[in-house]
């Protein structure tokens, strides 16, 4: 069972529930060896919830597991582009 985070800036609770349902569906497909279906579900999840960083990373992992390294690279680059820069502390 997934644990709900205390805070998730910019995301409404219904979106968070959808996120958990989609992530669980992707995990189930992946564990059962249905990689093509897991990839399709992950792409759907990305389009529904673009603010979540999890789905591009999952997509990269799935492509890599499938042996599609070019697509894995593109998905990983998408994941990295979504990471906000962390400001450096001034000493």
N, C-alpha and C. Protein backbone atom coordinates (compact mmCIF):
# COMPACT_ATOMS: atom_id res chain seq x y z
N UNK A 1 0.84 -1.18 0.00
CA UNK A 1 0.00 0.00 0.00
C UNK A 1 0.88 1.24 0.00
N UNK A 2 0.54 2.21 -0.80
CA UNK A 2 1.31 3.43 -0.92
C UNK A 2 1.01 4.36 0.25
N UNK A 3 2.02 5.10 0.66
CA UNK A 3 1.88 6.07 1.73
C UNK A 3 1.75 7.44 1.12
N UNK A 4 0.76 8.21 1.57
CA UNK A 4 0.56 9.56 1.06
C UNK A 4 1.56 10.51 1.71
N UNK A 5 2.25 11.33 0.92
CA UNK A 5 3.16 12.30 1.52
C UNK A 5 2.38 13.40 2.23
N UNK A 6 3.02 14.00 3.23
CA UNK A 6 2.39 15.06 3.99
C UNK A 6 2.12 16.29 3.14
N UNK A 7 3.09 16.65 2.30
CA UNK A 7 2.94 17.83 1.46
C UNK A 7 3.41 17.51 0.05
N UNK A 8 2.70 18.02 -0.93
CA UNK A 8 3.12 17.88 -2.33
C UNK A 8 2.67 19.15 -3.02
N UNK A 9 3.55 20.12 -3.09
CA UNK A 9 3.22 21.45 -3.57
C UNK A 9 2.64 21.43 -4.97
N UNK A 10 1.53 22.14 -5.16
CA UNK A 10 0.95 22.31 -6.48
C UNK A 10 0.08 21.17 -6.95
N UNK A 11 -0.14 20.16 -6.12
CA UNK A 11 -0.92 19.01 -6.54
C UNK A 11 -2.10 18.83 -5.60
N UNK A 12 -3.27 18.68 -6.18
CA UNK A 12 -4.48 18.51 -5.37
C UNK A 12 -4.60 17.07 -4.90
N UNK A 13 -5.29 16.84 -3.81
CA UNK A 13 -5.46 15.47 -3.31
C UNK A 13 -6.06 14.50 -4.35
N UNK A 14 -7.07 14.88 -5.16
CA UNK A 14 -7.54 13.92 -6.16
C UNK A 14 -6.45 13.51 -7.15
N UNK A 15 -5.60 14.46 -7.54
CA UNK A 15 -4.50 14.13 -8.44
C UNK A 15 -3.53 13.17 -7.76
N UNK A 16 -3.34 13.36 -6.47
CA UNK A 16 -2.44 12.48 -5.73
C UNK A 16 -2.98 11.05 -5.70
N UNK A 17 -4.29 10.91 -5.55
CA UNK A 17 -4.90 9.58 -5.57
C UNK A 17 -4.78 8.94 -6.94
N UNK A 18 -4.95 9.74 -7.99
CA UNK A 18 -4.78 9.23 -9.36
C UNK A 18 -3.34 8.78 -9.55
N UNK A 19 -2.39 9.58 -9.04
CA UNK A 19 -0.97 9.25 -9.13
C UNK A 19 -0.69 7.89 -8.50
N UNK A 20 -1.23 7.66 -7.32
CA UNK A 20 -1.00 6.40 -6.61
C UNK A 20 -1.60 5.23 -7.38
N UNK A 21 -2.81 5.41 -7.90
CA UNK A 21 -3.45 4.34 -8.67
C UNK A 21 -2.65 4.00 -9.92
N UNK A 22 -2.20 5.03 -10.64
CA UNK A 22 -1.42 4.80 -11.86
C UNK A 22 -0.08 4.14 -11.54
N UNK A 23 0.59 4.61 -10.49
CA UNK A 23 1.88 4.04 -10.12
C UNK A 23 1.71 2.56 -9.73
N UNK A 24 0.65 2.24 -9.02
CA UNK A 24 0.39 0.84 -8.65
C UNK A 24 0.11 -0.01 -9.88
N UNK A 25 -0.65 0.53 -10.83
CA UNK A 25 -0.95 -0.21 -12.06
C UNK A 25 0.32 -0.46 -12.86
N UNK A 26 1.18 0.54 -12.95
CA UNK A 26 2.45 0.39 -13.67
C UNK A 26 3.32 -0.66 -13.00
N UNK A 27 3.39 -0.61 -11.67
CA UNK A 27 4.19 -1.59 -10.92
C UNK A 27 3.68 -3.01 -11.15
N UNK A 28 2.36 -3.18 -11.11
CA UNK A 28 1.77 -4.50 -11.32
C UNK A 28 2.09 -5.03 -12.72
N UNK A 29 1.95 -4.18 -13.73
CA UNK A 29 2.27 -4.58 -15.10
C UNK A 29 3.74 -4.95 -15.24
N UNK A 30 4.60 -4.15 -14.64
CA UNK A 30 6.04 -4.40 -14.73
C UNK A 30 6.40 -5.72 -14.06
N UNK A 31 5.85 -5.94 -12.87
CA UNK A 31 6.16 -7.16 -12.14
C UNK A 31 5.65 -8.41 -12.85
N UNK A 32 4.59 -8.27 -13.64
CA UNK A 32 4.06 -9.42 -14.36
C UNK A 32 4.74 -9.60 -15.73
N UNK A 33 5.72 -8.74 -16.02
CA UNK A 33 6.48 -8.87 -17.27
C UNK A 33 5.82 -8.23 -18.48
N UNK A 34 4.76 -7.47 -18.26
CA UNK A 34 4.06 -6.80 -19.37
C UNK A 34 4.64 -5.41 -19.57
N UNK A 35 5.87 -5.37 -20.08
CA UNK A 35 6.59 -4.10 -20.20
C UNK A 35 5.94 -3.15 -21.19
N UNK A 36 5.47 -3.64 -22.32
CA UNK A 36 4.84 -2.76 -23.31
C UNK A 36 3.60 -2.09 -22.72
N UNK A 37 2.83 -2.85 -21.96
CA UNK A 37 1.63 -2.29 -21.33
C UNK A 37 2.01 -1.30 -20.23
N UNK A 38 3.07 -1.61 -19.48
CA UNK A 38 3.54 -0.71 -18.43
C UNK A 38 4.03 0.60 -19.04
N UNK A 39 4.72 0.52 -20.17
CA UNK A 39 5.19 1.72 -20.86
C UNK A 39 4.00 2.56 -21.33
N UNK A 40 3.01 1.93 -21.91
CA UNK A 40 1.81 2.65 -22.37
C UNK A 40 1.11 3.33 -21.20
N UNK A 41 1.01 2.63 -20.07
CA UNK A 41 0.35 3.21 -18.88
C UNK A 41 1.18 4.37 -18.33
N UNK A 42 2.48 4.25 -18.40
CA UNK A 42 3.36 5.31 -17.91
C UNK A 42 3.25 6.57 -18.79
N UNK A 43 3.17 6.37 -20.10
CA UNK A 43 2.98 7.50 -21.02
C UNK A 43 1.63 8.17 -20.74
N UNK A 44 0.61 7.37 -20.50
CA UNK A 44 -0.71 7.92 -20.14
C UNK A 44 -0.62 8.72 -18.84
N UNK A 45 0.08 8.17 -17.86
CA UNK A 45 0.23 8.85 -16.57
C UNK A 45 0.94 10.18 -16.73
N UNK A 46 1.97 10.21 -17.57
CA UNK A 46 2.70 11.46 -17.82
C UNK A 46 1.79 12.53 -18.41
N UNK A 47 0.92 12.13 -19.32
CA UNK A 47 0.04 13.12 -19.94
C UNK A 47 -1.04 13.60 -18.97
N UNK A 48 -1.47 12.73 -18.06
CA UNK A 48 -2.48 13.13 -17.08
C UNK A 48 -1.91 13.98 -15.95
N UNK A 49 -0.69 13.65 -15.53
CA UNK A 49 -0.07 14.32 -14.38
C UNK A 49 1.36 14.76 -14.72
N UNK A 50 1.50 15.76 -15.59
CA UNK A 50 2.85 16.16 -16.02
C UNK A 50 3.69 16.76 -14.90
N UNK A 51 3.06 17.18 -13.80
CA UNK A 51 3.81 17.81 -12.71
C UNK A 51 4.57 16.79 -11.85
N UNK A 52 4.27 15.52 -12.00
CA UNK A 52 4.95 14.49 -11.23
C UNK A 52 6.23 14.06 -11.92
N UNK A 53 7.31 13.98 -11.15
CA UNK A 53 8.62 13.60 -11.68
C UNK A 53 8.77 12.09 -11.78
N UNK A 54 7.95 11.35 -11.11
CA UNK A 54 8.09 9.90 -11.05
C UNK A 54 7.92 9.23 -12.42
N UNK A 55 6.94 9.66 -13.18
CA UNK A 55 6.60 8.93 -14.40
C UNK A 55 7.69 8.98 -15.48
N UNK A 56 8.36 10.12 -15.73
CA UNK A 56 9.46 10.09 -16.70
C UNK A 56 10.60 9.16 -16.26
N UNK A 57 10.87 9.12 -14.96
CA UNK A 57 11.91 8.22 -14.47
C UNK A 57 11.49 6.77 -14.62
N UNK A 58 10.26 6.47 -14.26
CA UNK A 58 9.75 5.10 -14.46
C UNK A 58 9.81 4.71 -15.93
N UNK A 59 9.42 5.64 -16.79
CA UNK A 59 9.44 5.36 -18.22
C UNK A 59 10.86 5.05 -18.70
N UNK A 60 11.83 5.81 -18.22
CA UNK A 60 13.23 5.54 -18.57
C UNK A 60 13.64 4.15 -18.10
N UNK A 61 13.27 3.80 -16.88
CA UNK A 61 13.60 2.48 -16.34
C UNK A 61 12.96 1.36 -17.17
N UNK A 62 11.70 1.56 -17.55
CA UNK A 62 10.99 0.55 -18.32
C UNK A 62 11.61 0.36 -19.70
N UNK A 63 11.92 1.48 -20.36
CA UNK A 63 12.58 1.39 -21.67
C UNK A 63 13.93 0.67 -21.54
N UNK A 64 14.68 1.02 -20.50
CA UNK A 64 15.98 0.39 -20.29
C UNK A 64 15.81 -1.12 -20.07
N UNK A 65 14.85 -1.48 -19.25
CA UNK A 65 14.59 -2.90 -18.98
C UNK A 65 14.20 -3.64 -20.26
N UNK A 66 13.52 -2.95 -21.15
CA UNK A 66 13.09 -3.54 -22.42
C UNK A 66 14.24 -3.60 -23.44
N UNK A 67 15.31 -2.86 -23.17
CA UNK A 67 16.45 -2.84 -24.08
C UNK A 67 16.39 -1.72 -25.10
N UNK A 68 15.44 -0.80 -24.94
CA UNK A 68 15.30 0.35 -25.85
C UNK A 68 16.07 1.52 -25.23
N UNK A 69 17.40 1.49 -25.43
CA UNK A 69 18.27 2.44 -24.74
C UNK A 69 18.13 3.87 -25.26
N UNK A 70 17.82 4.05 -26.52
CA UNK A 70 17.62 5.40 -27.05
C UNK A 70 16.40 6.06 -26.40
N UNK A 71 15.30 5.34 -26.31
CA UNK A 71 14.10 5.88 -25.67
C UNK A 71 14.33 6.09 -24.18
N UNK A 72 15.10 5.20 -23.56
CA UNK A 72 15.42 5.35 -22.14
C UNK A 72 16.20 6.64 -21.91
N UNK A 73 17.14 6.93 -22.81
CA UNK A 73 17.93 8.16 -22.69
C UNK A 73 17.03 9.39 -22.79
N UNK A 74 16.13 9.40 -23.75
CA UNK A 74 15.22 10.54 -23.94
C UNK A 74 14.32 10.72 -22.71
N UNK A 75 13.77 9.62 -22.19
CA UNK A 75 12.90 9.71 -21.01
C UNK A 75 13.69 10.17 -19.79
N UNK A 76 14.93 9.71 -19.65
CA UNK A 76 15.75 10.15 -18.53
C UNK A 76 16.09 11.63 -18.64
N UNK A 77 16.37 12.10 -19.85
CA UNK A 77 16.62 13.53 -20.07
C UNK A 77 15.39 14.36 -19.70
N UNK A 78 14.20 13.84 -20.03
CA UNK A 78 12.95 14.52 -19.65
C UNK A 78 12.82 14.58 -18.13
N UNK A 79 13.14 13.49 -17.47
CA UNK A 79 13.10 13.45 -16.00
C UNK A 79 14.06 14.49 -15.41
N UNK A 80 15.29 14.52 -15.92
CA UNK A 80 16.29 15.44 -15.38
C UNK A 80 15.91 16.90 -15.63
N UNK A 81 15.26 17.17 -16.75
CA UNK A 81 14.84 18.53 -17.07
C UNK A 81 13.75 19.04 -16.12
N UNK A 82 13.02 18.13 -15.49
CA UNK A 82 11.95 18.53 -14.58
C UNK A 82 12.45 18.86 -13.18
N UNK A 83 13.68 18.52 -12.89
CA UNK A 83 14.22 18.77 -11.56
C UNK A 83 14.55 20.25 -11.43
N UNK A 84 13.97 20.87 -10.43
CA UNK A 84 14.24 22.29 -10.20
C UNK A 84 15.64 22.47 -9.61
N UNK A 85 16.34 23.52 -10.04
CA UNK A 85 17.66 23.75 -9.46
C UNK A 85 17.55 24.12 -7.99
N UNK A 86 18.52 23.70 -7.25
CA UNK A 86 18.58 24.02 -5.83
C UNK A 86 19.54 25.19 -5.65
N UNK A 87 19.04 26.29 -5.08
CA UNK A 87 19.94 27.43 -4.92
C UNK A 87 21.07 27.11 -3.96
N UNK A 88 22.25 27.62 -4.28
CA UNK A 88 23.42 27.41 -3.41
C UNK A 88 23.29 28.33 -2.18
N UNK A 89 23.69 27.79 -1.06
CA UNK A 89 23.65 28.58 0.16
C UNK A 89 24.83 29.56 0.15
N UNK A 90 24.56 30.74 0.62
CA UNK A 90 25.62 31.74 0.72
C UNK A 90 26.28 31.60 2.09
N UNK A 91 27.59 31.58 2.09
CA UNK A 91 28.31 31.41 3.35
C UNK A 91 28.65 32.75 3.96
